[in-house]
PDB file of N, CA and C in Angstrom:
ATOM      1  N   MET A   1      -0.227  -3.735   8.200  1.00  0.00           N
ATOM      2  CA  MET A   1      -0.129  -5.181   7.814  1.00  0.00           C
ATOM      3  C   MET A   1      -1.172  -5.699   6.953  1.00  0.00           C
ATOM      4  N   ALA A   2      -2.340  -5.483   6.925  1.00  0.00           N
ATOM      5  CA  ALA A   2      -3.344  -5.989   5.969  1.00  0.00           C
ATOM      6  C   ALA A   2      -2.792  -5.346   4.423  1.00  0.00           C
ATOM      7  N   GLN A   3      -2.501  -4.064   4.231  1.00  0.00           N
ATOM      8  CA  GLN A   3      -2.233  -3.130   2.957  1.00  0.00           C
ATOM      9  C   GLN A   3      -1.006  -4.283   2.543  1.00  0.00           C
ATOM     10  N   GLY A   4       0.099  -4.393   3.552  1.00  0.00           N
ATOM     11  CA  GLY A   4       1.371  -5.299   2.922  1.00  0.00           C
ATOM     12  C   GLY A   4       0.991  -6.769   2.348  1.00  0.00           C
ATOM     13  N   ILE A   5       0.062  -7.349   2.894  1.00  0.00           N
ATOM     14  CA  ILE A   5      -0.634  -8.513   2.412  1.00  0.00           C
ATOM     15  C   ILE A   5      -1.118  -8.548   1.170  1.00  0.00           C
ATOM     16  N   GLY A   6      -2.059  -7.422   1.101  1.00  0.00           N
ATOM     17  CA  GLY A   6      -2.961  -7.461  -0.162  1.00  0.00           C
ATOM     18  C   GLY A   6      -2.084  -6.711  -1.178  1.00  0.00           C
ATOM     19  N   ALA A   7      -0.930  -6.062  -0.975  1.00  0.00           N
ATOM     20  CA  ALA A   7       0.069  -5.715  -2.058  1.00  0.00           C
ATOM     21  C   ALA A   7       0.486  -6.820  -2.753  1.00  0.00           C
ATOM     22  N   ALA A   8       1.215  -7.907  -1.494  1.00  0.00           N
ATOM     23  CA  ALA A   8       2.026  -8.677  -2.090  1.00  0.00           C
ATOM     24  C   ALA A   8       1.028  -9.888  -2.970  1.00  0.00           C
ATOM     25  N   PHE A   9      -0.262 -10.173  -2.564  1.00  0.00           N
ATOM     26  CA  PHE A   9      -0.899 -11.140  -3.422  1.00  0.00           C
ATOM     27  C   PHE A   9      -1.649 -10.737  -4.467  1.00  0.00           C
ATOM     28  N   LEU A  10      -1.938  -9.305  -4.574  1.00  0.00           N
ATOM     29  CA  LEU A  10      -2.741  -8.426  -5.605  1.00  0.00           C
ATOM     30  C   LEU A  10      -2.205  -8.002  -6.463  1.00  0.00           C
ATOM     31  N   ILE A  11      -0.750  -7.437  -6.118  1.00  0.00           N
ATOM     32  CA  ILE A  11      -0.069  -6.847  -6.929  1.00  0.00           C
ATOM     33  C   ILE A  11       1.363  -7.265  -7.442  1.00  0.00           C
ATOM     34  N   ARG A  12       2.179  -7.676  -6.390  1.00  0.00           N
ATOM     35  CA  ARG A  12       3.549  -8.215  -6.549  1.00  0.00           C
ATOM     36  C   ARG A  12       3.609  -9.421  -7.135  1.00  0.00           C
ATOM     37  N   ILE A  13       2.649 -10.385  -6.724  1.00  0.00           N
ATOM     38  CA  ILE A  13       2.880 -11.839  -7.415  1.00  0.00           C
ATOM     39  C   ILE A  13       2.170 -11.814  -8.765  1.00  0.00           C
ATOM     40  N   PRO A  14       0.934 -10.931  -9.032  1.00  0.00           N
ATOM     41  CA  PRO A  14       0.522 -10.913 -10.417  1.00  0.00           C
ATOM     42  C   PRO A  14       1.291 -10.023 -11.362  1.00  0.00           C
ATOM     43  N   VAL A  15       2.016  -9.516 -10.864  1.00  0.00           N
ATOM     44  CA  VAL A  15       2.877  -8.546 -11.994  1.00  0.00           C
ATOM     45  C   VAL A  15       4.257  -9.337 -12.378  1.00  0.00           C
ATOM     46  N   ALA A  16       4.557 -10.009 -11.263  1.00  0.00           N
ATOM     47  CA  ALA A  16       5.914 -10.791 -11.696  1.00  0.00           C
ATOM     48  C   ALA A  16       5.437 -11.819 -12.213  1.00  0.00           C
ATOM     49  N   TYR A  17       4.394 -12.422 -12.235  1.00  0.00           N
ATOM     50  CA  TYR A  17       4.027 -13.551 -13.198  1.00  0.00           C
ATOM     51  C   TYR A  17       3.622 -13.042 -14.621  1.00  0.00           C
ATOM     52  N   LEU A  18       3.015 -11.804 -14.488  1.00  0.00           N
ATOM     53  CA  LEU A  18       2.738 -11.537 -16.036  1.00  0.00           C
ATOM     54  C   LEU A  18       4.087 -11.064 -16.692  1.00  0.00           C
ATOM     55  N   MET A  19       5.000 -10.503 -15.888  1.00  0.00           N
ATOM     56  CA  MET A  19       6.399  -9.855 -16.727  1.00  0.00           C
ATOM     57  C   MET A  19       7.307 -11.063 -16.840  1.00  0.00           C
ATOM     58  N   SER A  20       7.017 -12.258 -16.212  1.00  0.00           N
ATOM     59  CA  SER A  20       7.763 -13.235 -16.584  1.00  0.00           C
ATOM     60  C   SER A  20       7.392 -14.194 -17.628  1.00  0.00           C
ATOM     61  N   VAL A  21       5.853 -14.067 -17.796  1.00  0.00           N
ATOM     62  CA  VAL A  21       5.296 -14.683 -19.156  1.00  0.00           C
ATOM     63  C   VAL A  21       5.878 -14.052 -20.163  1.00  0.00           C
ATOM     64  N   LYS A  22       5.535 -12.576 -20.414  1.00  0.00           N
ATOM     65  CA  LYS A  22       5.533 -11.552 -21.158  1.00  0.00           C
ATOM     66  C   LYS A  22       7.400 -11.456 -21.539  1.00  0.00           C
ATOM     67  N   THR A  23       8.073 -11.319 -20.733  1.00  0.00           N
ATOM     68  CA  THR A  23       9.454 -10.987 -21.217  1.00  0.00           C
ATOM     69  C   THR A  23      10.329 -11.941 -20.814  1.00  0.00           C
ATOM     70  N   GLY A  24      10.135 -12.681 -19.452  1.00  0.00           N
ATOM     71  CA  GLY A  24      10.903 -13.377 -18.936  1.00  0.00           C
ATOM     72  C   GLY A  24      12.572 -12.896 -18.344  1.00  0.00           C
ATOM     73  N   ARG A  25      12.451 -11.667 -18.469  1.00  0.00           N
ATOM     74  CA  ARG A  25      13.727 -10.759 -18.220  1.00  0.00           C
ATOM     75  C   ARG A  25      13.584 -10.327 -16.470  1.00  0.00           C
ATOM     76  N   LEU A  26      14.720 -10.755 -15.918  1.00  0.00           N
ATOM     77  CA  LEU A  26      14.651 -10.393 -14.463  1.00  0.00           C
ATOM     78  C   LEU A  26      14.657  -9.099 -14.275  1.00  0.00           C
ATOM     79  N   PHE A  27      14.878  -8.153 -15.053  1.00  0.00           N
ATOM     80  CA  PHE A  27      14.455  -6.334 -14.880  1.00  0.00           C
ATOM     81  C   PHE A  27      13.278  -6.368 -14.787  1.00  0.00           C
ATOM     82  N   TYR A  28      12.138  -7.097 -15.436  1.00  0.00           N
ATOM     83  CA  TYR A  28      11.039  -6.624 -15.747  1.00  0.00           C
ATOM     84  C   TYR A  28      10.207  -7.210 -14.315  1.00  0.00           C
ATOM     85  N   ILE A  29      10.617  -8.475 -14.160  1.00  0.00           N
ATOM     86  CA  ILE A  29      10.230  -9.169 -12.975  1.00  0.00           C
ATOM     87  C   ILE A  29      10.372  -8.522 -11.553  1.00  0.00           C
ATOM     88  N   GLY A  30      11.427  -7.575 -11.585  1.00  0.00           N
ATOM     89  CA  GLY A  30      11.753  -7.185 -10.227  1.00  0.00           C
ATOM     90  C   GLY A  30      11.112  -5.881 -10.228  1.00  0.00           C
ATOM     91  N   LEU A  31      10.188  -5.089 -11.367  1.00  0.00           N
ATOM     92  CA  LEU A  31       9.622  -4.128 -11.113  1.00  0.00           C
ATOM     93  C   LEU A  31       8.315  -4.151 -10.280  1.00  0.00           C
ATOM     94  N   SER A  32       8.023  -5.394 -10.371  1.00  0.00           N
ATOM     95  CA  SER A  32       6.710  -5.886  -9.293  1.00  0.00           C
ATOM     96  C   SER A  32       6.804  -5.340  -7.866  1.00  0.00           C
ATOM     97  N   VAL A  33       8.147  -5.292  -7.398  1.00  0.00           N
ATOM     98  CA  VAL A  33       8.495  -4.496  -6.014  1.00  0.00           C
ATOM     99  C   VAL A  33       8.068  -3.359  -5.971  1.00  0.00           C
ATOM    100  N   PRO A  34       8.748  -2.206  -6.956  1.00  0.00           N
ATOM    101  CA  PRO A  34       8.126  -0.941  -6.724  1.00  0.00           C
ATOM    102  C   PRO A  34       6.745  -0.675  -7.013  1.00  0.00           C
ATOM    103  N   CYS A  35       6.022  -1.412  -8.132  1.00  0.00           N
ATOM    104  CA  CYS A  35       4.522  -1.362  -8.336  1.00  0.00           C
ATOM    105  C   CYS A  35       3.844  -1.856  -6.919  1.00  0.00           C
ATOM    106  N   SER A  36       4.305  -2.426  -5.895  1.00  0.00           N
ATOM    107  CA  SER A  36       3.681  -3.117  -5.044  1.00  0.00           C
ATOM    108  C   SER A  36       3.963  -1.934  -3.924  1.00  0.00           C
ATOM    109  N   THR A  37       4.950  -1.403  -3.985  1.00  0.00           N
ATOM    110  CA  THR A  37       5.325  -0.218  -3.071  1.00  0.00           C
ATOM    111  C   THR A  37       4.386   1.014  -3.130  1.00  0.00           C
ATOM    112  N   ILE A  38       4.113   1.419  -4.471  1.00  0.00           N
ATOM    113  CA  ILE A  38       3.337   2.330  -5.024  1.00  0.00           C
ATOM    114  C   ILE A  38       2.071   2.112  -4.206  1.00  0.00           C
ATOM    115  N   ALA A  39       1.410   0.807  -4.849  1.00  0.00           N
ATOM    116  CA  ALA A  39       0.070   0.709  -4.325  1.00  0.00           C
ATOM    117  C   ALA A  39       0.032   0.831  -2.618  1.00  0.00           C
ATOM    118  N   GLN A  40       0.990   0.226  -2.088  1.00  0.00           N
ATOM    119  CA  GLN A  40       0.547   0.223  -0.402  1.00  0.00           C
ATOM    120  C   GLN A  40       0.851   1.935  -0.088  1.00  0.00           C
ATOM    121  N   ILE A  41       1.600   2.481  -0.744  1.00  0.00           N
ATOM    122  CA  ILE A  41       1.689   4.334  -0.275  1.00  0.00           C
ATOM    123  C   ILE A  41       0.180   4.830  -0.503  1.00  0.00           C
ATOM    124  N   THR A  42      -0.179   4.499  -1.610  1.00  0.00           N
ATOM    125  CA  THR A  42      -1.517   5.032  -2.331  1.00  0.00           C
ATOM    126  C   THR A  42      -2.779   4.425  -1.127  1.00  0.00           C
ATOM    127  N   VAL A  43      -2.859   3.239  -0.986  1.00  0.00           N
ATOM    128  CA  VAL A  43      -3.626   2.621  -0.011  1.00  0.00           C
ATOM    129  C   VAL A  43      -3.565   3.563   1.443  1.00  0.00           C
ATOM    130  N   CYS A  44      -2.394   3.974   1.724  1.00  0.00           N
ATOM    131  CA  CYS A  44      -2.047   4.243   3.325  1.00  0.00           C
ATOM    132  C   CYS A  44      -2.607   5.885   3.256  1.00  0.00           C
ATOM    133  N   PHE A  45      -2.381   6.428   1.873  1.00  0.00           N
ATOM    134  CA  PHE A  45      -2.844   7.850   1.741  1.00  0.00           C
ATOM    135  C   PHE A  45      -4.273   8.163   1.640  1.00  0.00           C
ATOM    136  N   ILE A  46      -4.768   6.686   1.003  1.00  0.00           N
ATOM    137  CA  ILE A  46      -6.408   7.062   0.805  1.00  0.00           C
ATOM    138  C   ILE A  46      -7.219   6.669   2.262  1.00  0.00           C
ATOM    139  N   PHE A  47      -6.402   5.645   2.995  1.00  0.00           N
ATOM    140  CA  PHE A  47      -6.844   5.575   4.272  1.00  0.00           C
ATOM    141  C   PHE A  47      -6.735   7.037   5.339  1.00  0.00           C
ATOM    142  N   LEU A  48      -5.473   7.429   4.959  1.00  0.00           N
ATOM    143  CA  LEU A  48      -5.276   8.790   5.818  1.00  0.00           C
ATOM    144  C   LEU A  48      -6.537   9.560   5.704  1.00  0.00           C
ATOM    145  N   ALA A  49      -6.527   9.783   4.239  1.00  0.00           N
ATOM    146  CA  ALA A  49      -7.549  10.897   3.891  1.00  0.00           C
ATOM    147  C   ALA A  49      -9.080  10.661   4.315  1.00  0.00           C
ATOM    148  N   TYR A  50      -9.418   9.209   4.361  1.00  0.00           N
ATOM    149  CA  TYR A  50     -10.625   8.649   4.902  1.00  0.00           C
ATOM    150  C   TYR A  50     -10.950   8.902   6.705  1.00  0.00           C
ATOM    151  N   VAL A  51      -9.838   8.749   7.296  1.00  0.00           N
ATOM    152  CA  VAL A  51      -9.696   8.882   8.603  1.00  0.00           C
ATOM    153  C   VAL A  51     -10.058  10.391   8.787  1.00  0.00           C
ATOM    154  N   LYS A  52      -9.340  11.569   8.435  1.00  0.00           N
ATOM    155  CA  LYS A  52      -9.290  12.621   8.629  1.00  0.00           C
ATOM    156  C   LYS A  52     -10.633  13.334   8.146  1.00  0.00           C
ATOM    157  N   LYS A  53     -11.161  12.717   7.035  1.00  0.00           N
ATOM    158  CA  LYS A  53     -12.700  13.345   6.697  1.00  0.00           C
ATOM    159  C   LYS A  53     -13.708  12.864   7.550  1.00  0.00           C
ATOM    160  N   HIS A  54     -13.525  11.759   8.089  1.00  0.00           N
ATOM    161  CA  HIS A  54     -14.377  11.387   9.045  1.00  0.00           C
ATOM    162  C   HIS A  54     -14.513  11.691  10.619  1.00  0.00           C
ATOM    163  N   GLY A  55     -13.277  12.534  10.685  1.00  0.00           N
ATOM    164  CA  GLY A  55     -13.052  12.915  12.076  1.00  0.00           C
ATOM    165  C   GLY A  55     -12.470  11.756  13.161  1.00  0.00           C
ATOM    166  N   LEU A  56     -11.963  10.764  12.706  1.00  0.00           N
ATOM    167  CA  LEU A  56     -11.759   9.768  13.270  1.00  0.00           C
ATOM    168  C   LEU A  56     -10.362  10.047  13.795  1.00  0.00           C
ATOM    169  N   MET A  57      -9.498  10.935  13.471  1.00  0.00           N
ATOM    170  CA  MET A  57      -8.253  11.346  14.243  1.00  0.00           C
ATOM    171  C   MET A  57      -8.135  12.550  15.119  1.00  0.00           C
ATOM    172  N   VAL A  58      -7.226  12.194  15.837  1.00  0.00           N
ATOM    173  CA  VAL A  58      -7.590  13.601  17.285  1.00  0.00           C
ATOM    174  C   VAL A  58      -6.199  14.180  16.883  1.00  0.00           C
ATOM    175  N   ASP A  59      -6.047  15.523  17.037  1.00  0.00           N
ATOM    176  CA  ASP A  59      -4.793  16.084  17.104  1.00  0.00           C
ATOM    177  C   ASP A  59      -3.882  15.935  17.974  1.00  0.00           C
ATOM    178  N   ASN A  60      -2.673  15.210  17.966  1.00  0.00           N
ATOM    179  CA  ASN A  60      -1.835  14.981  18.709  1.00  0.00           C
ATOM    180  C   ASN A  60      -0.766  15.472  19.362  1.00  0.00           C
ATOM    181  N   LYS A  61      -0.816  16.876  19.048  1.00  0.00           N
ATOM    182  CA  LYS A  61      -0.051  18.007  19.258  1.00  0.00           C
ATOM    183  C   LYS A  61      -0.093  18.175  21.022  1.00  0.00           C
ATOM    184  N   ASN A  62      -1.408  18.296  21.782  1.00  0.00           N
ATOM    185  CA  ASN A  62      -1.199  18.512  22.837  1.00  0.00           C
ATOM    186  C   ASN A  62      -1.694  17.268  23.741  1.00  0.00           C
ATOM    187  N   ASN A  63      -1.975  16.041  23.185  1.00  0.00           N
ATOM    188  CA  ASN A  63      -2.606  15.016  24.012  1.00  0.00           C
ATOM    189  C   ASN A  63      -1.981  13.715  23.169  1.00  0.00           C
ATOM    190  N   ASN A  64      -2.070  12.613  24.009  1.00  0.00           N
ATOM    191  CA  ASN A  64      -1.348  11.587  23.423  1.00  0.00           C
ATOM    192  C   ASN A  64      -2.728  10.390  23.169  1.00  0.00           C
ATOM    193  N   GLU A  65      -3.814  11.130  23.085  1.00  0.00           N
ATOM    194  CA  GLU A  65      -4.875  10.084  22.502  1.00  0.00           C
ATOM    195  C   GLU A  65      -5.092   9.114  21.405  1.00  0.00           C
ATOM    196  N   GLY A  66      -4.572   9.536  20.220  1.00  0.00           N
ATOM    197  CA  GLY A  66      -4.745   8.899  19.207  1.00  0.00           C
ATOM    198  C   GLY A  66      -5.812   8.857  18.475  1.00  0.00           C
ATOM    199  N   LEU A  67      -6.246   7.752  17.934  1.00  0.00           N
ATOM    200  CA  LEU A  67      -7.570   7.450  17.381  1.00  0.00           C
ATOM    201  C   LEU A  67      -8.687   7.611  18.459  1.00  0.00           C
ATOM    202  N   LYS A  68      -9.725   8.238  18.125  1.00  0.00           N
ATOM    203  CA  LYS A  68     -10.921   8.140  18.598  1.00  0.00           C
ATOM    204  C   LYS A  68     -11.707   6.916  18.815  1.00  0.00           C
ATOM    205  N   PRO A  69     -12.122   6.492  20.027  1.00  0.00           N
ATOM    206  CA  PRO A  69     -12.893   5.132  20.116  1.00  0.00           C
ATOM    207  C   PRO A  69     -14.298   5.146  19.043  1.00  0.00           C
TER     208      PRO A  69
END
């Protein structure tokens, strides 16, 4: 949820504003949504790598514990 809100306010809105000021064309303004999606996916992968690196994730193949406390 936090990455969605962050991507909306930190990526989507500024990119849409910049594109509206520079070009004013709806196509370029609409490119803010894919930019936001790419940023969200990148943040999720970075978080996943962090969790795996620090051993905060348990292998869920044999149990249903999920994240370690």
